[in-house]
């Protein structure tokens, strides 16, 4: 059976409100170091290393950007535990082209936690 969580899977954490999260690494290959980024509404004062156009994903109703500083690493077990407990709601997958732009944005930011950047590098998603 295919995993609910894959590269590009999106979800919302019910406790923190409306920010969409995106899995930007491969949970099947790296189930203990899954990198997750946060999508937030774009504002003039926010980082623009990766901008997502309104409508590029069904949940993105305003121009948005990746908030790299809110990135974190989770395990597949933690994601399933959160889903099973009703703490997160899986949404529509993010198009691969946007995931790739998120990877490219890592080179333009100094805000992504080192553990996340290292995991993406070790997994071959970024140089």
PDB file of N, CA and C in Angstrom:
ATOM      1  N   UNK A   1       0.841  -1.190   0.000  1.00  0.00           N
ATOM      2  CA  UNK A   1       0.000   0.000   0.000  1.00  0.00           C
ATOM      3  C   UNK A   1       0.883   1.250   0.000  1.00  0.00           C
ATOM      4  N   UNK A   2       0.511   2.224  -0.792  1.00  0.00           N
ATOM      5  CA  UNK A   2       1.276   3.468  -0.903  1.00  0.00           C
ATOM      6  C   UNK A   2       1.115   4.297   0.367  1.00  0.00           C
ATOM      7  N   UNK A   3       2.176   4.985   0.715  1.00  0.00           N
ATOM      8  CA  UNK A   3       2.165   5.848   1.889  1.00  0.00           C
ATOM      9  C   UNK A   3       1.324   7.087   1.627  1.00  0.00           C
ATOM     10  N   UNK A   4       0.672   7.574   2.656  1.00  0.00           N
ATOM     11  CA  UNK A   4      -0.072   8.832   2.577  1.00  0.00           C
ATOM     12  C   UNK A   4       0.910   9.987   2.383  1.00  0.00           C
ATOM     13  N   UNK A   5       2.109   9.829   2.933  1.00  0.00           N
ATOM     14  CA  UNK A   5       3.105  10.893   2.924  1.00  0.00           C
ATOM     15  C   UNK A   5       4.179  10.598   1.877  1.00  0.00           C
ATOM     16  N   UNK A   6       4.370  11.556   0.973  1.00  0.00           N
ATOM     17  CA  UNK A   6       5.345  11.415  -0.104  1.00  0.00           C
ATOM     18  C   UNK A   6       5.931  12.794  -0.395  1.00  0.00           C
ATOM     19  N   UNK A   7       6.945  12.820  -1.243  1.00  0.00           N
ATOM     20  CA  UNK A   7       7.498  14.087  -1.697  1.00  0.00           C
ATOM     21  C   UNK A   7       6.363  14.927  -2.281  1.00  0.00           C
ATOM     22  N   UNK A   8       6.207  16.150  -1.794  1.00  0.00           N
ATOM     23  CA  UNK A   8       5.154  17.031  -2.288  1.00  0.00           C
ATOM     24  C   UNK A   8       3.843  16.977  -1.518  1.00  0.00           C
ATOM     25  N   UNK A   9       3.711  16.025  -0.587  1.00  0.00           N
ATOM     26  CA  UNK A   9       2.499  15.988   0.233  1.00  0.00           C
ATOM     27  C   UNK A   9       2.387  17.290   1.015  1.00  0.00           C
ATOM     28  N   UNK A  10       1.179  17.817   1.104  1.00  0.00           N
ATOM     29  CA  UNK A  10       0.941  19.016   1.909  1.00  0.00           C
ATOM     30  C   UNK A  10      -0.024  18.677   3.032  1.00  0.00           C
ATOM     31  N   UNK A  11       0.085  19.439   4.105  1.00  0.00           N
ATOM     32  CA  UNK A  11      -0.829  19.245   5.231  1.00  0.00           C
ATOM     33  C   UNK A  11      -0.867  20.515   6.062  1.00  0.00           C
ATOM     34  N   UNK A  12      -1.894  20.605   6.885  1.00  0.00           N
ATOM     35  CA  UNK A  12      -2.024  21.698   7.843  1.00  0.00           C
ATOM     36  C   UNK A  12      -1.984  21.106   9.242  1.00  0.00           C
ATOM     37  N   UNK A  13      -1.259  21.761  10.142  1.00  0.00           N
ATOM     38  CA  UNK A  13      -1.266  21.388  11.550  1.00  0.00           C
ATOM     39  C   UNK A  13      -2.464  22.087  12.177  1.00  0.00           C
ATOM     40  N   UNK A  14      -3.385  21.330  12.696  1.00  0.00           N
ATOM     41  CA  UNK A  14      -4.624  21.928  13.203  1.00  0.00           C
ATOM     42  C   UNK A  14      -4.392  22.889  14.364  1.00  0.00           C
ATOM     43  N   UNK A  15      -3.383  22.650  15.181  1.00  0.00           N
ATOM     44  CA  UNK A  15      -3.134  23.495  16.348  1.00  0.00           C
ATOM     45  C   UNK A  15      -2.607  24.878  15.975  1.00  0.00           C
ATOM     46  N   UNK A  16      -1.922  24.994  14.838  1.00  0.00           N
ATOM     47  CA  UNK A  16      -1.304  26.273  14.496  1.00  0.00           C
ATOM     48  C   UNK A  16      -2.076  27.053  13.443  1.00  0.00           C
ATOM     49  N   UNK A  17      -3.185  26.560  13.007  1.00  0.00           N
ATOM     50  CA  UNK A  17      -3.997  27.323  12.070  1.00  0.00           C
ATOM     51  C   UNK A  17      -3.749  27.021  10.622  1.00  0.00           C
ATOM     52  N   UNK A  18      -3.766  28.067   9.814  1.00  0.00           N
ATOM     53  CA  UNK A  18      -3.932  27.911   8.377  1.00  0.00           C
ATOM     54  C   UNK A  18      -2.663  27.753   7.552  1.00  0.00           C
ATOM     55  N   UNK A  19      -1.478  27.701   8.152  1.00  0.00           N
ATOM     56  CA  UNK A  19      -0.279  27.588   7.317  1.00  0.00           C
ATOM     57  C   UNK A  19      -0.138  26.195   6.744  1.00  0.00           C
ATOM     58  N   UNK A  20       0.063  26.167   5.452  1.00  0.00           N
ATOM     59  CA  UNK A  20       0.265  24.914   4.740  1.00  0.00           C
ATOM     60  C   UNK A  20       1.708  24.463   4.922  1.00  0.00           C
ATOM     61  N   UNK A  21       1.907  23.182   5.126  1.00  0.00           N
ATOM     62  CA  UNK A  21       3.252  22.588   5.232  1.00  0.00           C
ATOM     63  C   UNK A  21       3.461  21.702   4.002  1.00  0.00           C
ATOM     64  N   UNK A  22       4.711  21.618   3.545  1.00  0.00           N
ATOM     65  CA  UNK A  22       5.036  20.836   2.356  1.00  0.00           C
ATOM     66  C   UNK A  22       6.201  19.911   2.670  1.00  0.00           C
ATOM     67  N   UNK A  23       6.049  18.637   2.341  1.00  0.00           N
ATOM     68  CA  UNK A  23       7.150  17.680   2.462  1.00  0.00           C
ATOM     69  C   UNK A  23       8.041  17.861   1.239  1.00  0.00           C
ATOM     70  N   UNK A  24       9.318  18.208   1.472  1.00  0.00           N
ATOM     71  CA  UNK A  24      10.238  18.491   0.363  1.00  0.00           C
ATOM     72  C   UNK A  24      11.395  17.492   0.304  1.00  0.00           C
ATOM     73  N   UNK A  25      11.229  16.349   0.939  1.00  0.00           N
ATOM     74  CA  UNK A  25      12.181  15.253   0.810  1.00  0.00           C
ATOM     75  C   UNK A  25      11.370  13.967   0.657  1.00  0.00           C
ATOM     76  N   UNK A  26      12.047  12.864   0.402  1.00  0.00           N
ATOM     77  CA  UNK A  26      11.360  11.617   0.075  1.00  0.00           C
ATOM     78  C   UNK A  26      11.193  10.729   1.310  1.00  0.00           C
ATOM     79  N   UNK A  27       9.983  10.661   1.876  1.00  0.00           N
ATOM     80  CA  UNK A  27       9.755   9.852   3.070  1.00  0.00           C
ATOM     81  C   UNK A  27      10.002   8.356   2.863  1.00  0.00           C
ATOM     82  N   UNK A  28       9.844   7.888   1.640  1.00  0.00           N
ATOM     83  CA  UNK A  28      10.065   6.464   1.382  1.00  0.00           C
ATOM     84  C   UNK A  28      11.546   6.117   1.511  1.00  0.00           C
ATOM     85  N   UNK A  29      12.404   6.980   0.968  1.00  0.00           N
ATOM     86  CA  UNK A  29      13.847   6.733   1.031  1.00  0.00           C
ATOM     87  C   UNK A  29      14.461   7.149   2.362  1.00  0.00           C
ATOM     88  N   UNK A  30      13.917   8.180   2.983  1.00  0.00           N
ATOM     89  CA  UNK A  30      14.493   8.747   4.202  1.00  0.00           C
ATOM     90  C   UNK A  30      13.399   8.928   5.258  1.00  0.00           C
ATOM     91  N   UNK A  31      12.828   7.823   5.783  1.00  0.00           N
ATOM     92  CA  UNK A  31      11.684   7.926   6.696  1.00  0.00           C
ATOM     93  C   UNK A  31      11.991   8.564   8.048  1.00  0.00           C
ATOM     94  N   UNK A  32      13.276   8.717   8.388  1.00  0.00           N
ATOM     95  CA  UNK A  32      13.624   9.293   9.690  1.00  0.00           C
ATOM     96  C   UNK A  32      14.093  10.738   9.597  1.00  0.00           C
ATOM     97  N   UNK A  33      14.178  11.274   8.371  1.00  0.00           N
ATOM     98  CA  UNK A  33      14.615  12.671   8.212  1.00  0.00           C
ATOM     99  C   UNK A  33      13.849  13.330   7.067  1.00  0.00           C
ATOM    100  N   UNK A  34      12.571  13.559   7.309  1.00  0.00           N
ATOM    101  CA  UNK A  34      11.681  14.170   6.334  1.00  0.00           C
ATOM    102  C   UNK A  34      11.684  15.685   6.561  1.00  0.00           C
ATOM    103  N   UNK A  35      12.064  16.424   5.526  1.00  0.00           N
ATOM    104  CA  UNK A  35      12.140  17.883   5.641  1.00  0.00           C
ATOM    105  C   UNK A  35      10.794  18.486   5.248  1.00  0.00           C
ATOM    106  N   UNK A  36      10.317  19.372   6.101  1.00  0.00           N
ATOM    107  CA  UNK A  36       9.004  20.003   5.922  1.00  0.00           C
ATOM    108  C   UNK A  36       9.190  21.517   5.996  1.00  0.00           C
ATOM    109  N   UNK A  37       8.597  22.223   5.030  1.00  0.00           N
ATOM    110  CA  UNK A  37       8.655  23.688   5.013  1.00  0.00           C
ATOM    111  C   UNK A  37       7.248  24.257   5.200  1.00  0.00           C
ATOM    112  N   UNK A  38       7.199  25.534   5.539  1.00  0.00           N
ATOM    113  CA  UNK A  38       5.939  26.215   5.795  1.00  0.00           C
ATOM    114  C   UNK A  38       5.663  27.248   4.700  1.00  0.00           C
ATOM    115  N   UNK A  39       4.413  27.302   4.264  1.00  0.00           N
ATOM    116  CA  UNK A  39       3.956  28.287   3.287  1.00  0.00           C
ATOM    117  C   UNK A  39       3.184  29.363   4.047  1.00  0.00           C
ATOM    118  N   UNK A  40       3.470  30.609   3.729  1.00  0.00           N
ATOM    119  CA  UNK A  40       2.786  31.716   4.392  1.00  0.00           C
ATOM    120  C   UNK A  40       2.428  32.782   3.352  1.00  0.00           C
ATOM    121  N   UNK A  41       1.474  33.618   3.674  1.00  0.00           N
ATOM    122  CA  UNK A  41       1.098  34.699   2.768  1.00  0.00           C
ATOM    123  C   UNK A  41       2.273  35.654   2.594  1.00  0.00           C
ATOM    124  N   UNK A  42       2.536  36.013   1.362  1.00  0.00           N
ATOM    125  CA  UNK A  42       3.642  36.904   1.040  1.00  0.00           C
ATOM    126  C   UNK A  42       3.317  38.328   1.495  1.00  0.00           C
ATOM    127  N   UNK A  43       4.274  38.952   2.129  1.00  0.00           N
ATOM    128  CA  UNK A  43       4.171  40.353   2.561  1.00  0.00           C
ATOM    129  C   UNK A  43       5.494  41.030   2.211  1.00  0.00           C
ATOM    130  N   UNK A  44       5.499  42.330   2.145  1.00  0.00           N
ATOM    131  CA  UNK A  44       6.708  43.073   1.760  1.00  0.00           C
ATOM    132  C   UNK A  44       7.890  42.763   2.671  1.00  0.00           C
ATOM    133  N   UNK A  45       7.641  42.519   3.945  1.00  0.00           N
ATOM    134  CA  UNK A  45       8.718  42.290   4.902  1.00  0.00           C
ATOM    135  C   UNK A  45       9.164  40.830   4.970  1.00  0.00           C
ATOM    136  N   UNK A  46       8.515  39.939   4.247  1.00  0.00           N
ATOM    137  CA  UNK A  46       8.868  38.523   4.300  1.00  0.00           C
ATOM    138  C   UNK A  46       9.893  38.157   3.233  1.00  0.00           C
ATOM    139  N   UNK A  47      10.626  37.120   3.516  1.00  0.00           N
ATOM    140  CA  UNK A  47      11.636  36.622   2.594  1.00  0.00           C
ATOM    141  C   UNK A  47      10.985  36.161   1.292  1.00  0.00           C
ATOM    142  N   UNK A  48      11.672  36.410   0.178  1.00  0.00           N
ATOM    143  CA  UNK A  48      11.109  36.071  -1.128  1.00  0.00           C
ATOM    144  C   UNK A  48      12.018  35.114  -1.903  1.00  0.00           C
ATOM    145  N   UNK A  49      12.714  34.240  -1.188  1.00  0.00           N
ATOM    146  CA  UNK A  49      13.588  33.264  -1.850  1.00  0.00           C
ATOM    147  C   UNK A  49      12.788  32.290  -2.695  1.00  0.00           C
ATOM    148  N   UNK A  50      11.548  32.046  -2.299  1.00  0.00           N
ATOM    149  CA  UNK A  50      10.651  31.192  -3.084  1.00  0.00           C
ATOM    150  C   UNK A  50       9.228  31.716  -2.943  1.00  0.00           C
ATOM    151  N   UNK A  51       8.714  32.249  -4.030  1.00  0.00           N
ATOM    152  CA  UNK A  51       7.361  32.804  -4.058  1.00  0.00           C
ATOM    153  C   UNK A  51       6.460  31.829  -4.816  1.00  0.00           C
ATOM    154  N   UNK A  52       5.260  31.628  -4.292  1.00  0.00           N
ATOM    155  CA  UNK A  52       4.283  30.727  -4.911  1.00  0.00           C
ATOM    156  C   UNK A  52       3.089  31.579  -5.344  1.00  0.00           C
ATOM    157  N   UNK A  53       2.780  31.513  -6.602  1.00  0.00           N
ATOM    158  CA  UNK A  53       1.685  32.321  -7.155  1.00  0.00           C
ATOM    159  C   UNK A  53       0.330  31.857  -6.634  1.00  0.00           C
ATOM    160  N   UNK A  54      -0.546  32.808  -6.483  1.00  0.00           N
ATOM    161  CA  UNK A  54      -1.932  32.519  -6.115  1.00  0.00           C
ATOM    162  C   UNK A  54      -2.496  31.505  -7.111  1.00  0.00           C
ATOM    163  N   UNK A  55      -3.119  30.445  -6.598  1.00  0.00           N
ATOM    164  CA  UNK A  55      -3.737  29.438  -7.445  1.00  0.00           C
ATOM    165  C   UNK A  55      -2.809  28.322  -7.902  1.00  0.00           C
ATOM    166  N   UNK A  56      -1.523  28.404  -7.566  1.00  0.00           N
ATOM    167  CA  UNK A  56      -0.581  27.351  -7.963  1.00  0.00           C
ATOM    168  C   UNK A  56      -0.857  26.044  -7.226  1.00  0.00           C
ATOM    169  N   UNK A  57      -1.585  26.147  -6.131  1.00  0.00           N
ATOM    170  CA  UNK A  57      -2.034  25.003  -5.326  1.00  0.00           C
ATOM    171  C   UNK A  57      -3.420  25.394  -4.810  1.00  0.00           C
ATOM    172  N   UNK A  58      -4.359  24.466  -4.692  1.00  0.00           N
ATOM    173  CA  UNK A  58      -5.709  24.837  -4.245  1.00  0.00           C
ATOM    174  C   UNK A  58      -5.770  25.590  -2.921  1.00  0.00           C
ATOM    175  N   UNK A  59      -4.818  25.369  -2.028  1.00  0.00           N
ATOM    176  CA  UNK A  59      -4.815  26.037  -0.730  1.00  0.00           C
ATOM    177  C   UNK A  59      -4.223  27.439  -0.804  1.00  0.00           C
ATOM    178  N   UNK A  60      -3.475  27.736  -1.869  1.00  0.00           N
ATOM    179  CA  UNK A  60      -2.785  29.020  -2.003  1.00  0.00           C
ATOM    180  C   UNK A  60      -3.733  30.015  -2.669  1.00  0.00           C
ATOM    181  N   UNK A  61      -4.419  30.794  -1.838  1.00  0.00           N
ATOM    182  CA  UNK A  61      -5.414  31.751  -2.346  1.00  0.00           C
ATOM    183  C   UNK A  61      -4.873  33.176  -2.438  1.00  0.00           C
ATOM    184  N   UNK A  62      -3.651  33.389  -1.967  1.00  0.00           N
ATOM    185  CA  UNK A  62      -2.947  34.678  -2.065  1.00  0.00           C
ATOM    186  C   UNK A  62      -1.521  34.371  -2.496  1.00  0.00           C
ATOM    187  N   UNK A  63      -0.845  35.353  -3.103  1.00  0.00           N
ATOM    188  CA  UNK A  63       0.570  35.136  -3.351  1.00  0.00           C
ATOM    189  C   UNK A  63       1.208  34.746  -2.025  1.00  0.00           C
ATOM    190  N   UNK A  64       2.008  33.698  -2.051  1.00  0.00           N
ATOM    191  CA  UNK A  64       2.596  33.157  -0.828  1.00  0.00           C
ATOM    192  C   UNK A  64       4.090  32.966  -0.998  1.00  0.00           C
ATOM    193  N   UNK A  65       4.748  32.659   0.101  1.00  0.00           N
ATOM    194  CA  UNK A  65       6.190  32.404   0.059  1.00  0.00           C
ATOM    195  C   UNK A  65       6.525  31.322   1.071  1.00  0.00           C
ATOM    196  N   UNK A  66       7.721  30.766   0.913  1.00  0.00           N
ATOM    197  CA  UNK A  66       8.195  29.764   1.861  1.00  0.00           C
ATOM    198  C   UNK A  66       8.846  30.486   3.030  1.00  0.00           C
ATOM    199  N   UNK A  67       8.434  30.134   4.226  1.00  0.00           N
ATOM    200  CA  UNK A  67       9.020  30.670   5.453  1.00  0.00           C
ATOM    201  C   UNK A  67      10.068  29.658   5.911  1.00  0.00           C
ATOM    202  N   UNK A  68      11.256  29.757   5.318  1.00  0.00           N
ATOM    203  CA  UNK A  68      12.308  28.762   5.540  1.00  0.00           C
ATOM    204  C   UNK A  68      12.674  28.602   7.013  1.00  0.00           C
ATOM    205  N   UNK A  69      12.584  29.664   7.794  1.00  0.00           N
ATOM    206  CA  UNK A  69      12.976  29.561   9.208  1.00  0.00           C
ATOM    207  C   UNK A  69      12.036  28.644   9.995  1.00  0.00           C
ATOM    208  N   UNK A  70      10.847  28.380   9.470  1.00  0.00           N
ATOM    209  CA  UNK A  70       9.889  27.497  10.137  1.00  0.00           C
ATOM    210  C   UNK A  70      10.031  26.036   9.688  1.00  0.00           C
ATOM    211  N   UNK A  71      11.050  25.745   8.891  1.00  0.00           N
ATOM    212  CA  UNK A  71      11.278  24.376   8.418  1.00  0.00           C
ATOM    213  C   UNK A  71      11.667  23.481   9.590  1.00  0.00           C
ATOM    214  N   UNK A  72      11.332  22.203   9.464  1.00  0.00           N
ATOM    215  CA  UNK A  72      11.706  21.239  10.504  1.00  0.00           C
ATOM    216  C   UNK A  72      11.838  19.849   9.891  1.00  0.00           C
ATOM    217  N   UNK A  73      12.430  18.953  10.655  1.00  0.00           N
ATOM    218  CA  UNK A  73      12.591  17.562  10.244  1.00  0.00           C
ATOM    219  C   UNK A  73      11.697  16.712  11.130  1.00  0.00           C
ATOM    220  N   UNK A  74      11.005  15.773  10.505  1.00  0.00           N
ATOM    221  CA  UNK A  74      10.142  14.831  11.230  1.00  0.00           C
ATOM    222  C   UNK A  74      10.373  13.433  10.667  1.00  0.00           C
ATOM    223  N   UNK A  75       9.888  12.457  11.399  1.00  0.00           N
ATOM    224  CA  UNK A  75       9.963  11.079  10.919  1.00  0.00           C
ATOM    225  C   UNK A  75       8.592  10.671  10.366  1.00  0.00           C
ATOM    226  N   UNK A  76       8.603   9.647   9.565  1.00  0.00           N
ATOM    227  CA  UNK A  76       7.350   9.125   9.020  1.00  0.00           C
ATOM    228  C   UNK A  76       6.436   8.672  10.154  1.00  0.00           C
ATOM    229  N   UNK A  77       7.002   8.059  11.186  1.00  0.00           N
ATOM    230  CA  UNK A  77       6.198   7.640  12.344  1.00  0.00           C
ATOM    231  C   UNK A  77       5.520   8.839  13.001  1.00  0.00           C
ATOM    232  N   UNK A  78       6.242   9.955  13.130  1.00  0.00           N
ATOM    233  CA  UNK A  78       5.660  11.155  13.737  1.00  0.00           C
ATOM    234  C   UNK A  78       4.522  11.710  12.885  1.00  0.00           C
ATOM    235  N   UNK A  79       4.694  11.694  11.559  1.00  0.00           N
ATOM    236  CA  UNK A  79       3.639  12.191  10.673  1.00  0.00           C
ATOM    237  C   UNK A  79       2.385  11.319  10.777  1.00  0.00           C
ATOM    238  N   UNK A  80       2.560  10.013  10.753  1.00  0.00           N
ATOM    239  CA  UNK A  80       1.395   9.119  10.889  1.00  0.00           C
ATOM    240  C   UNK A  80       0.748   9.254  12.254  1.00  0.00           C
ATOM    241  N   UNK A  81       1.554   9.425  13.293  1.00  0.00           N
ATOM    242  CA  UNK A  81       1.009   9.618  14.633  1.00  0.00           C
ATOM    243  C   UNK A  81       0.159  10.888  14.676  1.00  0.00           C
ATOM    244  N   UNK A  82       0.668  11.972  14.086  1.00  0.00           N
ATOM    245  CA  UNK A  82      -0.099  13.216  14.040  1.00  0.00           C
ATOM    246  C   UNK A  82      -1.384  13.076  13.251  1.00  0.00           C
ATOM    247  N   UNK A  83      -1.313  12.361  12.140  1.00  0.00           N
ATOM    248  CA  UNK A  83      -2.515  12.136  11.328  1.00  0.00           C
ATOM    249  C   UNK A  83      -3.524  11.290  12.094  1.00  0.00           C
ATOM    250  N   UNK A  84      -3.044  10.196  12.704  1.00  0.00           N
ATOM    251  CA  UNK A  84      -3.939   9.295  13.440  1.00  0.00           C
ATOM    252  C   UNK A  84      -4.595   9.975  14.634  1.00  0.00           C
ATOM    253  N   UNK A  85      -3.901  10.923  15.237  1.00  0.00           N
ATOM    254  CA  UNK A  85      -4.444  11.654  16.390  1.00  0.00           C
ATOM    255  C   UNK A  85      -5.277  12.864  15.968  1.00  0.00           C
ATOM    256  N   UNK A  86      -5.393  13.098  14.668  1.00  0.00           N
ATOM    257  CA  UNK A  86      -6.182  14.223  14.183  1.00  0.00           C
ATOM    258  C   UNK A  86      -5.493  15.569  14.335  1.00  0.00           C
ATOM    259  N   UNK A  87      -4.169  15.566  14.485  1.00  0.00           N
ATOM    260  CA  UNK A  87      -3.427  16.809  14.679  1.00  0.00           C
ATOM    261  C   UNK A  87      -3.050  17.473  13.363  1.00  0.00           C
ATOM    262  N   UNK A  88      -3.092  16.707  12.281  1.00  0.00           N
ATOM    263  CA  UNK A  88      -2.791  17.286  10.975  1.00  0.00           C
ATOM    264  C   UNK A  88      -3.776  16.764   9.939  1.00  0.00           C
ATOM    265  N   UNK A  89      -4.005  17.608   8.954  1.00  0.00           N
ATOM    266  CA  UNK A  89      -4.943  17.284   7.876  1.00  0.00           C
ATOM    267  C   UNK A  89      -4.196  17.317   6.552  1.00  0.00           C
ATOM    268  N   UNK A  90      -4.154  16.167   5.879  1.00  0.00           N
ATOM    269  CA  UNK A  90      -3.469  16.076   4.594  1.00  0.00           C
ATOM    270  C   UNK A  90      -4.298  16.798   3.540  1.00  0.00           C
ATOM    271  N   UNK A  91      -3.603  17.579   2.710  1.00  0.00           N
ATOM    272  CA  UNK A  91      -4.234  18.356   1.639  1.00  0.00           C
ATOM    273  C   UNK A  91      -3.749  17.841   0.279  1.00  0.00           C
ATOM    274  N   UNK A  92      -4.071  18.571  -0.781  1.00  0.00           N
ATOM    275  CA  UNK A  92      -3.663  18.197  -2.130  1.00  0.00           C
ATOM    276  C   UNK A  92      -2.145  18.295  -2.257  1.00  0.00           C
ATOM    277  N   UNK A  93      -1.518  17.416  -3.073  1.00  0.00           N
ATOM    278  CA  UNK A  93      -0.061  17.481  -3.234  1.00  0.00           C
ATOM    279  C   UNK A  93       0.394  18.761  -3.945  1.00  0.00           C
ATOM    280  N   UNK A  94       1.601  19.195  -3.603  1.00  0.00           N
ATOM    281  CA  UNK A  94       2.211  20.356  -4.240  1.00  0.00           C
ATOM    282  C   UNK A  94       2.835  19.893  -5.554  1.00  0.00           C
ATOM    283  N   UNK A  95       2.633  20.625  -6.640  1.00  0.00           N
ATOM    284  CA  UNK A  95       3.264  20.246  -7.912  1.00  0.00           C
ATOM    285  C   UNK A  95       4.791  20.159  -7.772  1.00  0.00           C
ATOM    286  N   UNK A  96       5.385  19.185  -8.455  1.00  0.00           N
ATOM    287  CA  UNK A  96       6.828  18.981  -8.388  1.00  0.00           C
ATOM    288  C   UNK A  96       7.600  20.232  -8.791  1.00  0.00           C
ATOM    289  N   UNK A  97       7.103  20.996  -9.757  1.00  0.00           N
ATOM    290  CA  UNK A  97       7.801  22.221 -10.180  1.00  0.00           C
ATOM    291  C   UNK A  97       7.937  23.199  -9.009  1.00  0.00           C
ATOM    292  N   UNK A  98       6.959  23.258  -8.139  1.00  0.00           N
ATOM    293  CA  UNK A  98       7.047  24.158  -6.981  1.00  0.00           C
ATOM    294  C   UNK A  98       8.005  23.586  -5.949  1.00  0.00           C
ATOM    295  N   UNK A  99       7.960  22.265  -5.737  1.00  0.00           N
ATOM    296  CA  UNK A  99       8.925  21.646  -4.821  1.00  0.00           C
ATOM    297  C   UNK A  99      10.351  21.951  -5.292  1.00  0.00           C
ATOM    298  N   UNK A 100      10.581  21.856  -6.586  1.00  0.00           N
ATOM    299  CA  UNK A 100      11.907  22.155  -7.123  1.00  0.00           C
ATOM    300  C   UNK A 100      12.284  23.617  -6.893  1.00  0.00           C
ATOM    301  N   UNK A 101      11.312  24.537  -6.985  1.00  0.00           N
ATOM    302  CA  UNK A 101      11.619  25.944  -6.716  1.00  0.00           C
ATOM    303  C   UNK A 101      11.901  26.164  -5.225  1.00  0.00           C
ATOM    304  N   UNK A 102      11.271  25.381  -4.378  1.00  0.00           N
ATOM    305  CA  UNK A 102      11.568  25.442  -2.939  1.00  0.00           C
ATOM    306  C   UNK A 102      13.013  25.012  -2.704  1.00  0.00           C
ATOM    307  N   UNK A 103      13.445  23.937  -3.366  1.00  0.00           N
ATOM    308  CA  UNK A 103      14.842  23.492  -3.245  1.00  0.00           C
ATOM    309  C   UNK A 103      15.792  24.591  -3.718  1.00  0.00           C
ATOM    310  N   UNK A 104      15.484  25.216  -4.862  1.00  0.00           N
ATOM    311  CA  UNK A 104      16.352  26.277  -5.387  1.00  0.00           C
ATOM    312  C   UNK A 104      16.424  27.450  -4.416  1.00  0.00           C
ATOM    313  N   UNK A 105      15.328  27.741  -3.738  1.00  0.00           N
ATOM    314  CA  UNK A 105      15.291  28.848  -2.792  1.00  0.00           C
ATOM    315  C   UNK A 105      16.211  28.664  -1.596  1.00  0.00           C
ATOM    316  N   UNK A 106      16.547  27.414  -1.278  1.00  0.00           N
ATOM    317  CA  UNK A 106      17.443  27.155  -0.143  1.00  0.00           C
ATOM    318  C   UNK A 106      18.779  27.857  -0.357  1.00  0.00           C
ATOM    319  N   UNK A 107      19.237  27.939  -1.610  1.00  0.00           N
ATOM    320  CA  UNK A 107      20.513  28.599  -1.914  1.00  0.00           C
ATOM    321  C   UNK A 107      20.459  30.103  -1.660  1.00  0.00           C
ATOM    322  N   UNK A 108      19.264  30.668  -1.627  1.00  0.00           N
ATOM    323  CA  UNK A 108      19.099  32.117  -1.469  1.00  0.00           C
ATOM    324  C   UNK A 108      18.735  32.543  -0.053  1.00  0.00           C
ATOM    325  N   UNK A 109      18.646  31.586   0.853  1.00  0.00           N
ATOM    326  CA  UNK A 109      18.243  31.938   2.212  1.00  0.00           C
ATOM    327  C   UNK A 109      19.307  31.516   3.210  1.00  0.00           C
ATOM    328  N   UNK A 110      19.376  32.256   4.302  1.00  0.00           N
ATOM    329  CA  UNK A 110      20.226  31.838   5.419  1.00  0.00           C
ATOM    330  C   UNK A 110      19.349  31.533   6.638  1.00  0.00           C
ATOM    331  N   UNK A 111      18.059  31.394   6.395  1.00  0.00           N
ATOM    332  CA  UNK A 111      17.109  31.211   7.496  1.00  0.00           C
ATOM    333  C   UNK A 111      16.718  29.758   7.742  1.00  0.00           C
ATOM    334  N   UNK A 112      16.997  28.873   6.789  1.00  0.00           N
ATOM    335  CA  UNK A 112      16.621  27.477   6.976  1.00  0.00           C
ATOM    336  C   UNK A 112      17.513  26.849   8.049  1.00  0.00           C
ATOM    337  N   UNK A 113      16.917  26.150   9.009  1.00  0.00           N
ATOM    338  CA  UNK A 113      17.727  25.476  10.025  1.00  0.00           C
ATOM    339  C   UNK A 113      18.754  24.534   9.375  1.00  0.00           C
ATOM    340  N   UNK A 114      19.950  24.519   9.935  1.00  0.00           N
ATOM    341  CA  UNK A 114      21.032  23.703   9.371  1.00  0.00           C
ATOM    342  C   UNK A 114      20.657  22.236   9.244  1.00  0.00           C
ATOM    343  N   UNK A 115      19.924  21.707  10.208  1.00  0.00           N
ATOM    344  CA  UNK A 115      19.545  20.293  10.149  1.00  0.00           C
ATOM    345  C   UNK A 115      18.695  20.006   8.908  1.00  0.00           C
ATOM    346  N   UNK A 116      17.859  20.951   8.517  1.00  0.00           N
ATOM    347  CA  UNK A 116      17.008  20.778   7.328  1.00  0.00           C
ATOM    348  C   UNK A 116      17.845  20.884   6.061  1.00  0.00           C
ATOM    349  N   UNK A 117      18.698  21.902   6.012  1.00  0.00           N
ATOM    350  CA  UNK A 117      19.549  22.082   4.840  1.00  0.00           C
ATOM    351  C   UNK A 117      20.472  20.875   4.661  1.00  0.00           C
ATOM    352  N   UNK A 118      21.038  20.393   5.750  1.00  0.00           N
ATOM    353  CA  UNK A 118      21.934  19.238   5.685  1.00  0.00           C
ATOM    354  C   UNK A 118      21.192  18.003   5.185  1.00  0.00           C
ATOM    355  N   UNK A 119      19.974  17.789   5.666  1.00  0.00           N
ATOM    356  CA  UNK A 119      19.191  16.634   5.224  1.00  0.00           C
ATOM    357  C   UNK A 119      18.899  16.710   3.725  1.00  0.00           C
ATOM    358  N   UNK A 120      18.521  17.893   3.229  1.00  0.00           N
ATOM    359  CA  UNK A 120      18.257  18.045   1.794  1.00  0.00           C
ATOM    360  C   UNK A 120      19.514  17.804   0.973  1.00  0.00           C
ATOM    361  N   UNK A 121      20.632  18.261   1.481  1.00  0.00           N
ATOM    362  CA  UNK A 121      21.911  18.050   0.779  1.00  0.00           C
ATOM    363  C   UNK A 121      22.270  16.554   0.796  1.00  0.00           C
ATOM    364  N   UNK A 122      22.190  15.920   1.968  1.00  0.00           N
ATOM    365  CA  UNK A 122      22.524  14.500   2.083  1.00  0.00           C
ATOM    366  C   UNK A 122      21.620  13.623   1.229  1.00  0.00           C
ATOM    367  N   UNK A 123      20.382  14.073   1.021  1.00  0.00           N
ATOM    368  CA  UNK A 123      19.426  13.310   0.234  1.00  0.00           C
ATOM    369  C   UNK A 123      19.518  13.604  -1.268  1.00  0.00           C
ATOM    370  N   UNK A 124      20.386  14.543  -1.634  1.00  0.00           N
ATOM    371  CA  UNK A 124      20.627  14.837  -3.046  1.00  0.00           C
ATOM    372  C   UNK A 124      19.652  15.810  -3.685  1.00  0.00           C
ATOM    373  N   UNK A 125      18.858  16.520  -2.869  1.00  0.00           N
ATOM    374  CA  UNK A 125      17.884  17.478  -3.420  1.00  0.00           C
ATOM    375  C   UNK A 125      18.506  18.836  -3.716  1.00  0.00           C
ATOM    376  N   UNK A 126      19.567  19.176  -2.973  1.00  0.00           N
ATOM    377  CA  UNK A 126      20.259  20.442  -3.204  1.00  0.00           C
ATOM    378  C   UNK A 126      21.756  20.175  -3.215  1.00  0.00           C
ATOM    379  N   UNK A 127      22.499  21.122  -3.765  1.00  0.00           N
ATOM    380  CA  UNK A 127      23.974  20.992  -3.791  1.00  0.00           C
ATOM    381  C   UNK A 127      24.585  21.656  -2.580  1.00  0.00           C
TER     382      UNK A 127
END
